N, C-alpha and C. Protein backbone atom coordinates (compact mmCIF):
# COMPACT_ATOMS: atom_id res chain seq x y z
N UNK A 1 -14.77 0.83 -2.74
CA UNK A 1 -14.39 -0.37 -3.49
C UNK A 1 -12.87 -0.59 -3.52
N UNK A 2 -12.11 0.48 -3.63
CA UNK A 2 -10.66 0.35 -3.68
C UNK A 2 -10.11 -0.22 -2.38
N UNK A 3 -10.63 0.28 -1.27
CA UNK A 3 -10.19 -0.23 0.04
C UNK A 3 -10.61 -1.68 0.21
N UNK A 4 -11.80 -2.03 -0.26
CA UNK A 4 -12.27 -3.41 -0.15
C UNK A 4 -11.38 -4.36 -0.94
N UNK A 5 -10.94 -3.92 -2.12
CA UNK A 5 -10.03 -4.74 -2.93
C UNK A 5 -8.71 -4.95 -2.20
N UNK A 6 -8.16 -3.87 -1.65
CA UNK A 6 -6.88 -3.96 -0.93
C UNK A 6 -6.99 -4.89 0.27
N UNK A 7 -8.09 -4.75 1.03
CA UNK A 7 -8.29 -5.61 2.20
C UNK A 7 -8.48 -7.06 1.77
N UNK A 8 -9.22 -7.27 0.67
CA UNK A 8 -9.42 -8.63 0.17
C UNK A 8 -8.13 -9.30 -0.25
N UNK A 9 -7.27 -8.56 -0.94
CA UNK A 9 -5.97 -9.11 -1.36
C UNK A 9 -5.10 -9.40 -0.14
N UNK A 10 -5.16 -8.52 0.86
CA UNK A 10 -4.41 -8.76 2.09
C UNK A 10 -4.92 -10.01 2.80
N UNK A 11 -6.22 -10.22 2.77
CA UNK A 11 -6.78 -11.44 3.34
C UNK A 11 -6.30 -12.67 2.61
N UNK A 12 -6.17 -12.57 1.27
CA UNK A 12 -5.64 -13.68 0.50
C UNK A 12 -4.21 -14.01 0.86
N UNK A 13 -3.41 -12.96 1.11
CA UNK A 13 -2.02 -13.18 1.54
C UNK A 13 -1.98 -13.91 2.89
N UNK A 14 -2.81 -13.48 3.82
CA UNK A 14 -2.84 -14.10 5.14
C UNK A 14 -3.31 -15.55 5.06
N UNK A 15 -4.28 -15.81 4.19
CA UNK A 15 -4.75 -17.18 3.99
C UNK A 15 -3.65 -18.07 3.43
N UNK A 16 -2.89 -17.54 2.46
CA UNK A 16 -1.78 -18.31 1.89
C UNK A 16 -0.74 -18.64 2.95
N UNK A 17 -0.47 -17.70 3.84
CA UNK A 17 0.49 -17.94 4.93
C UNK A 17 -0.04 -18.99 5.90
N UNK A 18 -1.33 -18.94 6.21
CA UNK A 18 -1.92 -19.92 7.11
C UNK A 18 -1.81 -21.32 6.52
N UNK A 19 -2.12 -21.45 5.24
CA UNK A 19 -2.04 -22.76 4.58
C UNK A 19 -0.60 -23.28 4.57
N UNK A 20 0.35 -22.39 4.29
CA UNK A 20 1.75 -22.79 4.24
C UNK A 20 2.23 -23.30 5.59
N UNK A 21 2.00 -22.51 6.64
CA UNK A 21 2.51 -22.89 7.96
C UNK A 21 1.74 -24.08 8.55
N UNK A 22 0.45 -24.19 8.22
CA UNK A 22 -0.31 -25.36 8.68
C UNK A 22 0.21 -26.63 8.04
N UNK A 23 0.50 -26.57 6.75
CA UNK A 23 1.06 -27.73 6.05
C UNK A 23 2.45 -28.07 6.58
N UNK A 24 3.24 -27.05 6.83
CA UNK A 24 4.60 -27.25 7.35
C UNK A 24 4.58 -27.89 8.73
N UNK A 25 3.65 -27.46 9.58
CA UNK A 25 3.58 -28.01 10.94
C UNK A 25 3.06 -29.44 10.96
N UNK A 26 2.22 -29.78 9.97
CA UNK A 26 1.64 -31.12 9.93
C UNK A 26 2.57 -32.14 9.29
N UNK A 27 3.27 -31.73 8.24
CA UNK A 27 4.11 -32.67 7.50
C UNK A 27 5.59 -32.58 7.87
N UNK A 28 6.02 -31.43 8.40
CA UNK A 28 7.43 -31.23 8.70
C UNK A 28 8.27 -30.97 7.47
N UNK A 29 7.62 -30.81 6.32
CA UNK A 29 8.34 -30.56 5.08
C UNK A 29 8.02 -29.16 4.56
N UNK A 30 9.04 -28.52 4.04
CA UNK A 30 8.89 -27.16 3.51
C UNK A 30 8.49 -27.25 2.04
N UNK A 31 7.22 -27.00 1.77
CA UNK A 31 6.71 -27.08 0.39
C UNK A 31 7.16 -25.84 -0.39
N UNK A 32 7.96 -26.05 -1.41
CA UNK A 32 8.46 -24.93 -2.20
C UNK A 32 7.32 -24.25 -2.96
N UNK A 33 6.36 -25.03 -3.43
CA UNK A 33 5.24 -24.46 -4.17
C UNK A 33 4.42 -23.53 -3.28
N UNK A 34 4.15 -23.98 -2.05
CA UNK A 34 3.38 -23.15 -1.12
C UNK A 34 4.18 -21.92 -0.70
N UNK A 35 5.49 -22.09 -0.53
CA UNK A 35 6.34 -20.96 -0.16
C UNK A 35 6.32 -19.90 -1.24
N UNK A 36 6.43 -20.32 -2.50
CA UNK A 36 6.37 -19.37 -3.60
C UNK A 36 5.00 -18.71 -3.69
N UNK A 37 3.95 -19.48 -3.37
CA UNK A 37 2.60 -18.92 -3.39
C UNK A 37 2.46 -17.82 -2.35
N UNK A 38 3.04 -18.02 -1.17
CA UNK A 38 2.98 -16.98 -0.13
C UNK A 38 3.76 -15.74 -0.56
N UNK A 39 4.89 -15.95 -1.22
CA UNK A 39 5.68 -14.81 -1.68
C UNK A 39 4.94 -14.02 -2.76
N UNK A 40 4.32 -14.73 -3.69
CA UNK A 40 3.55 -14.05 -4.74
C UNK A 40 2.36 -13.30 -4.13
N UNK A 41 1.70 -13.95 -3.16
CA UNK A 41 0.56 -13.29 -2.50
C UNK A 41 1.02 -12.02 -1.78
N UNK A 42 2.21 -12.07 -1.19
CA UNK A 42 2.76 -10.90 -0.51
C UNK A 42 3.04 -9.77 -1.50
N UNK A 43 3.55 -10.13 -2.69
CA UNK A 43 3.81 -9.12 -3.72
C UNK A 43 2.50 -8.48 -4.18
N UNK A 44 1.47 -9.29 -4.41
CA UNK A 44 0.18 -8.76 -4.83
C UNK A 44 -0.41 -7.85 -3.75
N UNK A 45 -0.28 -8.27 -2.49
CA UNK A 45 -0.82 -7.47 -1.40
C UNK A 45 -0.09 -6.13 -1.29
N UNK A 46 1.25 -6.17 -1.37
CA UNK A 46 2.03 -4.94 -1.29
C UNK A 46 1.76 -4.00 -2.45
N UNK A 47 1.62 -4.56 -3.65
CA UNK A 47 1.36 -3.73 -4.83
C UNK A 47 -0.02 -3.09 -4.75
N UNK A 48 -1.01 -3.84 -4.25
CA UNK A 48 -2.36 -3.29 -4.11
C UNK A 48 -2.38 -2.16 -3.09
N UNK A 49 -1.66 -2.36 -1.98
CA UNK A 49 -1.61 -1.33 -0.94
C UNK A 49 -0.94 -0.06 -1.47
N UNK A 50 0.21 -0.21 -2.12
CA UNK A 50 0.89 0.95 -2.68
C UNK A 50 0.07 1.61 -3.78
N UNK A 51 -0.57 0.79 -4.61
CA UNK A 51 -1.42 1.33 -5.67
C UNK A 51 -2.57 2.13 -5.11
N UNK A 52 -3.17 1.63 -4.03
CA UNK A 52 -4.26 2.36 -3.38
C UNK A 52 -3.77 3.71 -2.86
N UNK A 53 -2.62 3.72 -2.18
CA UNK A 53 -2.08 4.97 -1.66
C UNK A 53 -1.73 5.94 -2.79
N UNK A 54 -1.20 5.42 -3.89
CA UNK A 54 -0.84 6.28 -5.01
C UNK A 54 -2.07 6.93 -5.63
N UNK A 55 -3.12 6.13 -5.84
CA UNK A 55 -4.35 6.68 -6.42
C UNK A 55 -4.97 7.74 -5.50
N UNK A 56 -5.03 7.44 -4.21
CA UNK A 56 -5.62 8.39 -3.27
C UNK A 56 -4.79 9.65 -3.16
N UNK A 57 -3.46 9.51 -3.17
CA UNK A 57 -2.60 10.68 -3.08
C UNK A 57 -2.71 11.57 -4.31
N UNK A 58 -3.10 10.98 -5.45
CA UNK A 58 -3.30 11.76 -6.66
C UNK A 58 -4.68 12.42 -6.70
N UNK A 59 -5.50 12.13 -5.69
CA UNK A 59 -6.80 12.77 -5.60
C UNK A 59 -7.96 11.95 -6.11
N UNK A 60 -7.70 10.71 -6.55
CA UNK A 60 -8.76 9.88 -7.09
C UNK A 60 -9.76 9.53 -5.99
N UNK A 61 -11.02 9.90 -6.19
CA UNK A 61 -12.05 9.66 -5.21
C UNK A 61 -12.12 10.70 -4.11
N UNK A 62 -11.21 11.67 -4.15
CA UNK A 62 -11.19 12.72 -3.12
C UNK A 62 -11.53 14.07 -3.75
N UNK A 63 -10.76 14.46 -4.75
CA UNK A 63 -11.01 15.73 -5.44
C UNK A 63 -11.48 15.53 -6.87
N UNK A 64 -11.44 14.31 -7.34
CA UNK A 64 -11.90 14.01 -8.70
C UNK A 64 -12.22 12.53 -8.79
N UNK A 65 -13.03 12.18 -9.79
CA UNK A 65 -13.49 10.81 -9.90
C UNK A 65 -12.68 9.98 -10.89
N UNK A 66 -11.75 10.60 -11.59
CA UNK A 66 -10.95 9.85 -12.56
C UNK A 66 -9.62 10.56 -12.79
N UNK A 67 -8.68 9.82 -13.37
CA UNK A 67 -7.38 10.37 -13.73
C UNK A 67 -7.38 10.70 -15.22
N UNK A 68 -6.47 11.58 -15.63
CA UNK A 68 -6.36 11.82 -17.06
C UNK A 68 -5.59 10.67 -17.72
N UNK A 69 -5.56 10.68 -19.03
CA UNK A 69 -4.98 9.54 -19.75
C UNK A 69 -3.50 9.34 -19.42
N UNK A 70 -2.76 10.42 -19.30
CA UNK A 70 -1.33 10.31 -19.00
C UNK A 70 -1.12 9.71 -17.61
N UNK A 71 -1.91 10.15 -16.65
CA UNK A 71 -1.80 9.62 -15.29
C UNK A 71 -2.18 8.14 -15.23
N UNK A 72 -3.19 7.76 -15.98
CA UNK A 72 -3.59 6.36 -16.03
C UNK A 72 -2.48 5.48 -16.57
N UNK A 73 -1.86 5.91 -17.66
CA UNK A 73 -0.76 5.14 -18.25
C UNK A 73 0.41 5.03 -17.28
N UNK A 74 0.74 6.12 -16.60
CA UNK A 74 1.83 6.12 -15.64
C UNK A 74 1.52 5.18 -14.47
N UNK A 75 0.30 5.25 -13.97
CA UNK A 75 -0.08 4.41 -12.84
C UNK A 75 -0.02 2.93 -13.20
N UNK A 76 -0.66 2.56 -14.30
CA UNK A 76 -0.69 1.15 -14.67
C UNK A 76 0.69 0.63 -15.06
N UNK A 77 1.51 1.50 -15.66
CA UNK A 77 2.86 1.09 -15.99
C UNK A 77 3.66 0.75 -14.74
N UNK A 78 3.61 1.63 -13.74
CA UNK A 78 4.32 1.38 -12.48
C UNK A 78 3.76 0.16 -11.76
N UNK A 79 2.44 0.05 -11.75
CA UNK A 79 1.79 -1.05 -11.04
C UNK A 79 2.18 -2.40 -11.65
N UNK A 80 2.12 -2.48 -12.97
CA UNK A 80 2.44 -3.74 -13.66
C UNK A 80 3.92 -4.08 -13.50
N UNK A 81 4.80 -3.09 -13.64
CA UNK A 81 6.23 -3.35 -13.48
C UNK A 81 6.56 -3.81 -12.06
N UNK A 82 5.91 -3.21 -11.06
CA UNK A 82 6.10 -3.62 -9.67
C UNK A 82 5.71 -5.08 -9.50
N UNK A 83 4.56 -5.44 -10.04
CA UNK A 83 4.09 -6.83 -9.95
C UNK A 83 5.03 -7.79 -10.67
N UNK A 84 5.40 -7.43 -11.90
CA UNK A 84 6.22 -8.33 -12.73
C UNK A 84 7.57 -8.61 -12.08
N UNK A 85 8.28 -7.56 -11.71
CA UNK A 85 9.62 -7.76 -11.11
C UNK A 85 9.52 -8.40 -9.74
N UNK A 86 8.46 -8.10 -8.99
CA UNK A 86 8.28 -8.74 -7.69
C UNK A 86 8.04 -10.23 -7.82
N UNK A 87 7.17 -10.62 -8.75
CA UNK A 87 6.88 -12.04 -8.96
C UNK A 87 8.10 -12.76 -9.53
N UNK A 88 8.79 -12.13 -10.48
CA UNK A 88 9.98 -12.76 -11.06
C UNK A 88 11.04 -13.00 -9.99
N UNK A 89 11.23 -12.03 -9.09
CA UNK A 89 12.23 -12.21 -8.04
C UNK A 89 11.80 -13.29 -7.05
N UNK A 90 10.52 -13.33 -6.71
CA UNK A 90 10.04 -14.31 -5.74
C UNK A 90 10.16 -15.75 -6.26
N UNK A 91 10.15 -15.91 -7.59
CA UNK A 91 10.22 -17.25 -8.18
C UNK A 91 11.57 -17.55 -8.81
N UNK A 92 12.50 -16.61 -8.67
CA UNK A 92 13.81 -16.74 -9.32
C UNK A 92 14.69 -17.75 -8.61
N UNK A 93 15.48 -18.50 -9.38
CA UNK A 93 16.41 -19.48 -8.82
C UNK A 93 17.84 -19.27 -9.31
N UNK A 94 18.04 -18.31 -10.20
CA UNK A 94 19.36 -18.00 -10.72
C UNK A 94 19.89 -16.74 -10.05
N UNK A 95 20.94 -16.84 -9.23
CA UNK A 95 21.41 -15.69 -8.44
C UNK A 95 21.65 -14.42 -9.25
N UNK A 96 22.27 -14.56 -10.41
CA UNK A 96 22.57 -13.36 -11.20
C UNK A 96 21.30 -12.66 -11.67
N UNK A 97 20.30 -13.45 -12.08
CA UNK A 97 19.03 -12.87 -12.51
C UNK A 97 18.26 -12.31 -11.32
N UNK A 98 18.34 -13.02 -10.19
CA UNK A 98 17.61 -12.59 -9.00
C UNK A 98 18.04 -11.20 -8.56
N UNK A 99 19.35 -10.93 -8.63
CA UNK A 99 19.84 -9.62 -8.22
C UNK A 99 19.30 -8.53 -9.14
N UNK A 100 19.24 -8.82 -10.43
CA UNK A 100 18.70 -7.85 -11.38
C UNK A 100 17.22 -7.60 -11.15
N UNK A 101 16.46 -8.69 -10.91
CA UNK A 101 15.03 -8.53 -10.63
C UNK A 101 14.81 -7.73 -9.35
N UNK A 102 15.61 -8.02 -8.33
CA UNK A 102 15.45 -7.33 -7.04
C UNK A 102 15.79 -5.84 -7.18
N UNK A 103 16.85 -5.53 -7.91
CA UNK A 103 17.22 -4.13 -8.13
C UNK A 103 16.11 -3.39 -8.87
N UNK A 104 15.59 -4.00 -9.92
CA UNK A 104 14.50 -3.38 -10.69
C UNK A 104 13.26 -3.19 -9.83
N UNK A 105 12.99 -4.18 -8.99
CA UNK A 105 11.83 -4.11 -8.09
C UNK A 105 11.95 -2.92 -7.14
N UNK A 106 13.14 -2.73 -6.56
CA UNK A 106 13.32 -1.64 -5.61
C UNK A 106 13.33 -0.28 -6.30
N UNK A 107 13.80 -0.24 -7.54
CA UNK A 107 13.76 1.02 -8.29
C UNK A 107 12.31 1.45 -8.53
N UNK A 108 11.48 0.50 -8.96
CA UNK A 108 10.07 0.80 -9.20
C UNK A 108 9.38 1.18 -7.89
N UNK A 109 9.70 0.46 -6.82
CA UNK A 109 9.10 0.79 -5.52
C UNK A 109 9.50 2.19 -5.07
N UNK A 110 10.77 2.55 -5.30
CA UNK A 110 11.22 3.90 -4.94
C UNK A 110 10.46 4.96 -5.74
N UNK A 111 10.27 4.72 -7.04
CA UNK A 111 9.55 5.69 -7.88
C UNK A 111 8.11 5.85 -7.42
N UNK A 112 7.45 4.73 -7.07
CA UNK A 112 6.08 4.81 -6.58
C UNK A 112 6.04 5.57 -5.26
N UNK A 113 6.98 5.26 -4.38
CA UNK A 113 7.05 5.95 -3.09
C UNK A 113 7.26 7.45 -3.27
N UNK A 114 8.17 7.80 -4.17
CA UNK A 114 8.43 9.21 -4.44
C UNK A 114 7.20 9.89 -5.02
N UNK A 115 6.49 9.19 -5.91
CA UNK A 115 5.27 9.73 -6.50
C UNK A 115 4.20 9.99 -5.46
N UNK A 116 4.06 9.08 -4.49
CA UNK A 116 3.08 9.27 -3.42
C UNK A 116 3.42 10.50 -2.59
N UNK A 117 4.69 10.63 -2.24
CA UNK A 117 5.12 11.77 -1.41
C UNK A 117 4.84 13.09 -2.13
N UNK A 118 5.22 13.17 -3.40
CA UNK A 118 5.03 14.41 -4.16
C UNK A 118 3.55 14.73 -4.33
N UNK A 119 2.77 13.73 -4.72
CA UNK A 119 1.35 13.96 -5.00
C UNK A 119 0.59 14.39 -3.75
N UNK A 120 0.79 13.68 -2.64
CA UNK A 120 0.02 14.01 -1.44
C UNK A 120 0.43 15.37 -0.88
N UNK A 121 1.72 15.69 -0.91
CA UNK A 121 2.15 17.00 -0.41
C UNK A 121 1.65 18.14 -1.29
N UNK A 122 1.62 17.90 -2.59
CA UNK A 122 1.10 18.91 -3.52
C UNK A 122 -0.37 19.19 -3.26
N UNK A 123 -1.15 18.13 -3.08
CA UNK A 123 -2.58 18.30 -2.84
C UNK A 123 -2.85 18.95 -1.48
N UNK A 124 -2.06 18.61 -0.49
CA UNK A 124 -2.22 19.24 0.83
C UNK A 124 -1.98 20.74 0.74
N UNK A 125 -0.91 21.14 0.07
CA UNK A 125 -0.60 22.56 -0.03
C UNK A 125 -1.65 23.31 -0.83
N UNK A 126 -2.15 22.71 -1.90
CA UNK A 126 -3.18 23.38 -2.70
C UNK A 126 -4.46 23.55 -1.91
N UNK A 127 -4.84 22.53 -1.16
CA UNK A 127 -6.07 22.63 -0.37
C UNK A 127 -5.91 23.64 0.77
N UNK A 128 -4.73 23.71 1.34
CA UNK A 128 -4.49 24.70 2.39
C UNK A 128 -4.61 26.12 1.86
N UNK A 129 -4.27 26.30 0.58
CA UNK A 129 -4.37 27.61 -0.04
C UNK A 129 -5.77 27.87 -0.61
N UNK A 130 -6.62 26.83 -0.54
CA UNK A 130 -7.97 26.97 -1.07
C UNK A 130 -8.02 26.98 -2.58
N UNK A 131 -6.98 26.44 -3.21
CA UNK A 131 -6.91 26.47 -4.67
C UNK A 131 -7.80 25.40 -5.28
N UNK A 132 -8.18 25.62 -6.51
CA UNK A 132 -8.97 24.63 -7.24
C UNK A 132 -8.08 23.46 -7.62
N UNK A 133 -8.59 22.24 -7.46
CA UNK A 133 -7.82 21.04 -7.77
C UNK A 133 -8.37 20.38 -9.02
N UNK A 134 -7.82 20.72 -10.14
CA UNK A 134 -8.11 20.06 -11.41
C UNK A 134 -9.59 20.01 -11.75
N UNK A 135 -10.31 18.99 -11.23
CA UNK A 135 -11.66 18.72 -11.71
C UNK A 135 -12.77 19.12 -10.74
N UNK A 136 -12.43 19.43 -9.53
CA UNK A 136 -13.48 19.71 -8.56
C UNK A 136 -13.00 20.72 -7.54
N UNK A 137 -13.71 21.80 -7.40
CA UNK A 137 -13.35 22.83 -6.42
C UNK A 137 -14.25 22.70 -5.20
N UNK A 138 -13.68 22.65 -3.98
CA UNK A 138 -14.52 22.59 -2.78
C UNK A 138 -15.51 23.75 -2.74
N UNK A 139 -16.75 23.48 -2.37
CA UNK A 139 -17.79 24.51 -2.38
C UNK A 139 -18.05 25.08 -1.00
N UNK A 140 -17.43 24.55 0.04
CA UNK A 140 -17.67 25.05 1.38
C UNK A 140 -16.43 24.77 2.24
N UNK A 141 -16.27 25.48 3.35
CA UNK A 141 -15.15 25.19 4.26
C UNK A 141 -15.18 23.77 4.78
N UNK A 142 -16.39 23.20 4.94
CA UNK A 142 -16.50 21.82 5.42
C UNK A 142 -15.89 20.84 4.44
N UNK A 143 -16.20 21.03 3.15
CA UNK A 143 -15.63 20.17 2.11
C UNK A 143 -14.13 20.35 2.02
N UNK A 144 -13.69 21.59 2.11
CA UNK A 144 -12.26 21.87 2.04
C UNK A 144 -11.52 21.18 3.18
N UNK A 145 -12.06 21.30 4.40
CA UNK A 145 -11.43 20.67 5.56
C UNK A 145 -11.46 19.15 5.43
N UNK A 146 -12.58 18.60 4.97
CA UNK A 146 -12.72 17.14 4.87
C UNK A 146 -11.70 16.57 3.90
N UNK A 147 -11.54 17.20 2.74
CA UNK A 147 -10.59 16.71 1.75
C UNK A 147 -9.15 16.90 2.21
N UNK A 148 -8.90 18.00 2.89
CA UNK A 148 -7.57 18.21 3.45
C UNK A 148 -7.25 17.14 4.49
N UNK A 149 -8.22 16.79 5.33
CA UNK A 149 -8.03 15.77 6.35
C UNK A 149 -7.74 14.41 5.72
N UNK A 150 -8.38 14.11 4.60
CA UNK A 150 -8.11 12.85 3.90
C UNK A 150 -6.65 12.76 3.49
N UNK A 151 -6.14 13.81 2.86
CA UNK A 151 -4.75 13.80 2.40
C UNK A 151 -3.76 13.75 3.57
N UNK A 152 -4.07 14.47 4.63
CA UNK A 152 -3.17 14.45 5.80
C UNK A 152 -3.12 13.06 6.41
N UNK A 153 -4.27 12.40 6.52
CA UNK A 153 -4.29 11.05 7.08
C UNK A 153 -3.59 10.04 6.17
N UNK A 154 -3.75 10.21 4.86
CA UNK A 154 -3.04 9.35 3.92
C UNK A 154 -1.53 9.51 4.10
N UNK A 155 -1.10 10.74 4.27
CA UNK A 155 0.33 11.00 4.48
C UNK A 155 0.82 10.37 5.78
N UNK A 156 0.04 10.48 6.83
CA UNK A 156 0.43 9.87 8.10
C UNK A 156 0.52 8.35 7.99
N UNK A 157 -0.46 7.74 7.32
CA UNK A 157 -0.44 6.29 7.14
C UNK A 157 0.78 5.87 6.33
N UNK A 158 1.05 6.62 5.27
CA UNK A 158 2.19 6.28 4.41
C UNK A 158 3.51 6.38 5.16
N UNK A 159 3.69 7.46 5.91
CA UNK A 159 4.93 7.63 6.68
C UNK A 159 5.07 6.52 7.71
N UNK A 160 3.97 6.18 8.38
CA UNK A 160 4.01 5.10 9.38
C UNK A 160 4.41 3.77 8.74
N UNK A 161 3.82 3.46 7.59
CA UNK A 161 4.13 2.20 6.91
C UNK A 161 5.53 2.21 6.29
N UNK A 162 6.10 3.40 6.13
CA UNK A 162 7.45 3.50 5.58
C UNK A 162 8.51 3.35 6.66
N UNK A 163 8.24 3.90 7.85
CA UNK A 163 9.26 3.93 8.91
C UNK A 163 9.12 2.80 9.93
N UNK A 164 7.91 2.47 10.31
CA UNK A 164 7.73 1.47 11.37
C UNK A 164 8.27 0.08 11.02
N UNK A 165 8.17 -0.39 9.75
CA UNK A 165 8.78 -1.69 9.45
C UNK A 165 10.27 -1.75 9.77
N UNK A 166 10.99 -0.64 9.58
CA UNK A 166 12.41 -0.63 9.93
C UNK A 166 12.61 -0.75 11.44
N UNK A 167 11.71 -0.11 12.21
CA UNK A 167 11.76 -0.24 13.67
C UNK A 167 11.48 -1.68 14.07
N UNK A 168 10.52 -2.31 13.40
CA UNK A 168 10.19 -3.70 13.72
C UNK A 168 11.35 -4.64 13.40
N UNK A 169 12.08 -4.34 12.33
CA UNK A 169 13.25 -5.16 12.00
C UNK A 169 14.31 -5.04 13.10
N UNK A 170 14.54 -3.83 13.58
CA UNK A 170 15.50 -3.64 14.67
C UNK A 170 15.06 -4.37 15.93
N UNK A 171 13.76 -4.33 16.22
CA UNK A 171 13.25 -5.06 17.39
C UNK A 171 13.45 -6.56 17.20
N UNK A 172 13.20 -7.02 15.98
CA UNK A 172 13.35 -8.44 15.68
C UNK A 172 14.79 -8.90 15.85
N UNK A 173 15.74 -8.04 15.46
CA UNK A 173 17.16 -8.43 15.52
C UNK A 173 17.77 -8.26 16.91
N UNK A 174 17.28 -7.31 17.68
CA UNK A 174 17.94 -6.98 18.94
C UNK A 174 17.17 -7.39 20.19
N UNK A 175 15.88 -7.57 20.09
CA UNK A 175 15.06 -7.84 21.28
C UNK A 175 14.50 -9.25 21.29
N UNK A 176 13.93 -9.67 20.18
CA UNK A 176 13.23 -10.96 20.14
C UNK A 176 14.18 -12.12 19.95
N UNK A 177 13.92 -13.21 20.65
CA UNK A 177 14.68 -14.45 20.47
C UNK A 177 14.04 -15.26 19.36
N UNK A 178 14.67 -16.40 19.01
CA UNK A 178 14.18 -17.19 17.88
C UNK A 178 12.76 -17.71 18.11
N UNK A 179 12.40 -17.99 19.37
CA UNK A 179 11.06 -18.51 19.63
C UNK A 179 10.03 -17.40 19.83
N UNK A 180 10.46 -16.15 19.62
CA UNK A 180 9.54 -15.02 19.72
C UNK A 180 9.38 -14.31 18.38
N UNK A 181 9.79 -14.96 17.30
CA UNK A 181 9.72 -14.35 15.98
C UNK A 181 8.28 -14.03 15.57
N UNK A 182 7.34 -14.80 16.12
CA UNK A 182 5.94 -14.56 15.77
C UNK A 182 5.46 -13.18 16.22
N UNK A 183 6.11 -12.63 17.25
CA UNK A 183 5.72 -11.30 17.73
C UNK A 183 5.98 -10.25 16.65
N UNK A 184 7.12 -10.37 15.95
CA UNK A 184 7.43 -9.44 14.87
C UNK A 184 6.40 -9.51 13.76
N UNK A 185 5.99 -10.74 13.40
CA UNK A 185 4.96 -10.91 12.36
C UNK A 185 3.64 -10.30 12.83
N UNK A 186 3.30 -10.55 14.09
CA UNK A 186 2.06 -10.00 14.64
C UNK A 186 2.05 -8.47 14.60
N UNK A 187 3.16 -7.85 14.98
CA UNK A 187 3.25 -6.39 14.97
C UNK A 187 3.16 -5.84 13.55
N UNK A 188 3.76 -6.55 12.60
CA UNK A 188 3.70 -6.10 11.20
C UNK A 188 2.27 -6.14 10.67
N UNK A 189 1.57 -7.23 10.96
CA UNK A 189 0.19 -7.33 10.51
C UNK A 189 -0.70 -6.32 11.23
N UNK A 190 -0.40 -6.07 12.51
CA UNK A 190 -1.17 -5.08 13.26
C UNK A 190 -0.99 -3.68 12.66
N UNK A 191 0.21 -3.40 12.14
CA UNK A 191 0.47 -2.12 11.49
C UNK A 191 -0.43 -1.93 10.27
N UNK A 192 -0.53 -2.96 9.43
CA UNK A 192 -1.37 -2.86 8.24
C UNK A 192 -2.84 -2.82 8.61
N UNK A 193 -3.23 -3.55 9.66
CA UNK A 193 -4.62 -3.48 10.11
C UNK A 193 -4.96 -2.07 10.55
N UNK A 194 -4.05 -1.43 11.28
CA UNK A 194 -4.27 -0.05 11.71
C UNK A 194 -4.33 0.89 10.52
N UNK A 195 -3.48 0.66 9.50
CA UNK A 195 -3.48 1.51 8.31
C UNK A 195 -4.81 1.42 7.57
N UNK A 196 -5.31 0.20 7.35
CA UNK A 196 -6.59 0.03 6.67
C UNK A 196 -7.73 0.62 7.49
N UNK A 197 -7.65 0.50 8.82
CA UNK A 197 -8.70 1.04 9.69
C UNK A 197 -8.74 2.56 9.61
N UNK A 198 -7.56 3.19 9.64
CA UNK A 198 -7.50 4.65 9.58
C UNK A 198 -8.04 5.15 8.24
N UNK A 199 -7.64 4.50 7.15
CA UNK A 199 -8.11 4.92 5.83
C UNK A 199 -9.62 4.73 5.71
N UNK A 200 -10.12 3.58 6.18
CA UNK A 200 -11.55 3.32 6.13
C UNK A 200 -12.34 4.33 6.94
N UNK A 201 -11.89 4.63 8.14
CA UNK A 201 -12.59 5.60 8.97
C UNK A 201 -12.52 7.00 8.37
N UNK A 202 -11.38 7.33 7.79
CA UNK A 202 -11.22 8.65 7.16
C UNK A 202 -12.22 8.84 6.03
N UNK A 203 -12.36 7.83 5.18
CA UNK A 203 -13.28 7.98 4.04
C UNK A 203 -14.73 7.88 4.47
N UNK A 204 -15.00 7.13 5.53
CA UNK A 204 -16.37 7.09 6.05
C UNK A 204 -16.78 8.48 6.52
N UNK A 205 -15.90 9.16 7.23
CA UNK A 205 -16.18 10.52 7.70
C UNK A 205 -16.25 11.49 6.53
N UNK A 206 -15.34 11.31 5.56
CA UNK A 206 -15.30 12.21 4.40
C UNK A 206 -16.59 12.13 3.59
N UNK A 207 -17.08 10.93 3.32
CA UNK A 207 -18.30 10.77 2.53
C UNK A 207 -19.53 11.25 3.28
N UNK A 208 -19.46 11.24 4.61
CA UNK A 208 -20.58 11.74 5.40
C UNK A 208 -20.66 13.26 5.37
N UNK A 209 -19.53 13.92 5.13
CA UNK A 209 -19.49 15.37 5.15
C UNK A 209 -19.55 16.01 3.77
N UNK A 210 -19.22 15.26 2.73
CA UNK A 210 -19.13 15.84 1.41
C UNK A 210 -19.95 15.04 0.42
N UNK A 211 -20.41 15.67 -0.65
CA UNK A 211 -21.11 14.96 -1.72
C UNK A 211 -20.14 14.17 -2.56
N UNK A 212 -20.67 13.36 -3.45
CA UNK A 212 -19.84 12.58 -4.36
C UNK A 212 -19.03 13.51 -5.24
N UNK A 213 -17.81 13.09 -5.56
CA UNK A 213 -16.94 13.90 -6.42
C UNK A 213 -17.41 13.78 -7.86
N UNK A 214 -17.64 14.90 -8.50
CA UNK A 214 -18.08 14.89 -9.89
C UNK A 214 -16.86 14.84 -10.81
N UNK A 215 -17.05 14.24 -11.95
CA UNK A 215 -16.00 14.22 -12.95
C UNK A 215 -16.06 15.47 -13.80
């Protein structure tokens, strides 16, 4: 369900972009309302993707079926702040306020990113040592390997989505001409498609090898 939500929100972002560019090509006018809608959709899509990675890196649905109360408050606090500052910046028209919103947005994004890195590495090391993870202990080498593979793949997806966009920006600035800008957009969307595909395939294999996680 979590992956379906993330993919659905991503589809909404793509639909908003299609509507914006279709209207722009037909009328020749840049609709500010549609532009802001695409920006807000992008913020929602990015927050859902990061939220999904954060939950999975914390073991939700992999080694346990729920988070404790403190973790829930921390997750929702970060998630809501990311959304709020992202939306405020995307709709901001006052330069001084926009800079403050953007700084706050990047601070929250950095904290979420740091949390993902720490959580996934911690779970990988514990599973490699065969240690019990909070609410559910693997009962066989197959389960242990399957859960370890989930965390390793999540880490690979996260690192790819963290580094490859910077490579795409360099390609956009140094290789592509103005009439080839669509290639950069295509590569960016292909990156997220690959990320969702890897996560989906990973969990399909994981659920085939292991029983449901008990709370």
